[in-house]
Protein backbone atom coordinates (compact mmCIF):
# COMPACT_ATOMS: atom_id res chain seq x y z
CA UNK A 1 120.82 112.51 102.12
CA UNK A 2 117.01 111.38 102.26
CA UNK A 3 115.52 112.89 106.02
CA UNK A 4 112.60 110.41 104.90
CA UNK A 5 114.68 107.17 105.51
CA UNK A 6 115.96 106.41 108.82
CA UNK A 7 118.73 104.06 110.01
CA UNK A 8 119.38 103.04 113.27
CA UNK A 9 122.68 101.93 114.90
CA UNK A 10 121.47 98.08 114.74
CA UNK A 11 123.23 95.47 112.83
CA UNK A 12 123.23 91.33 113.00
CA UNK A 13 125.28 89.07 111.51
CA UNK A 14 123.37 86.20 109.97
CA UNK A 15 125.76 83.00 109.38
CA UNK A 16 123.03 81.26 107.69
CA UNK A 17 122.26 84.45 105.23
CA UNK A 18 125.96 85.22 104.96
CA UNK A 19 125.12 88.67 104.91
CA UNK A 20 124.61 91.63 108.05
CA UNK A 21 121.12 93.10 108.59
CA UNK A 22 120.43 96.50 109.42
CA UNK A 23 117.14 97.89 109.36
CA UNK A 24 115.96 101.36 108.01
CA UNK A 25 112.62 103.02 108.21
CA UNK A 26 110.98 105.02 105.88
CA UNK A 27 107.43 106.91 106.56
CA UNK A 28 106.90 105.04 109.61
CA UNK A 29 107.58 101.22 107.68
CA UNK A 30 109.92 98.99 108.44
CA UNK A 31 112.98 97.75 105.80
CA UNK A 32 115.05 94.68 106.47
CA UNK A 33 117.99 96.09 104.69
CA UNK A 34 121.06 92.93 104.33
CA UNK A 35 124.93 93.52 103.08
CA UNK A 36 126.46 90.54 101.84
CA UNK A 37 129.61 88.84 103.27
CA UNK A 38 131.29 89.33 99.71
CA UNK A 39 130.15 92.85 99.25
CA UNK A 40 132.25 93.24 102.64
CA UNK A 41 135.03 91.36 101.65
CA UNK A 42 135.51 93.02 98.60
CA UNK A 43 135.37 97.17 99.13
CA UNK A 44 137.16 96.35 102.73
CA UNK A 45 140.61 93.68 100.82
CA UNK A 46 139.93 92.10 104.20
CA UNK A 47 139.31 87.91 104.57
CA UNK A 48 136.60 88.17 107.07
CA UNK A 49 135.79 84.79 109.12
CA UNK A 50 135.03 86.10 112.43
CA UNK A 51 131.15 87.73 113.23
CA UNK A 52 133.34 90.41 115.28
CA UNK A 53 135.41 90.57 112.09
CA UNK A 54 132.49 90.91 110.12
CA UNK A 55 130.42 93.79 112.39
CA UNK A 56 133.35 95.58 113.02
CA UNK A 57 133.68 96.12 108.99
CA UNK A 58 130.07 96.76 108.75
CA UNK A 59 130.64 99.82 111.55
CA UNK A 60 133.29 101.28 109.21
CA UNK A 61 131.53 101.21 105.69
CA UNK A 62 127.95 101.93 107.53
CA UNK A 63 128.18 105.40 105.80
CA UNK A 64 128.61 104.08 102.38
CA UNK A 65 126.50 100.68 102.84
CA UNK A 66 123.81 103.13 104.53
CA UNK A 67 123.90 105.65 100.81
CA UNK A 68 124.04 102.38 98.88
CA UNK A 69 121.02 101.13 100.70
CA UNK A 70 118.90 104.54 100.49
CA UNK A 71 119.58 105.07 96.98
CA UNK A 72 118.14 101.48 96.20
CA UNK A 73 115.12 102.26 98.55
CA UNK A 74 114.36 105.33 96.70
CA UNK A 75 114.38 102.93 93.50
CA UNK A 76 112.59 101.02 94.78
CA UNK A 77 114.86 97.94 94.17
CA UNK A 78 113.40 95.54 96.38
CA UNK A 79 113.64 92.17 96.82
CA UNK A 80 110.54 89.35 96.69
CA UNK A 81 110.55 89.19 100.21
CA UNK A 82 110.62 93.61 99.88
CA UNK A 83 113.79 93.88 101.23
CA UNK A 84 117.08 95.48 100.30
CA UNK A 85 120.11 93.52 99.66
CA UNK A 86 123.70 94.97 98.56
CA UNK A 87 125.77 92.65 97.08
CA UNK A 88 128.35 92.01 94.29
């Protein structure tokens, strides 16, 4: 694990984007990270319909998601807004 990248225990569901938002910090800079509902459903094998189910599944897969986000940050795989988006 890269000690330069820190993740908090904060996450929120964004129904418009159909993704969970979770922040990372690298060198004092805030990086907005997202994991899509499609990714969560595909990796969990569940059909997720409520925000509570979605957040619970995110928490269940948090370490895997953070590992992917960390690798994407290291590789500078940012989108046009400077965010990291984990999707299928």
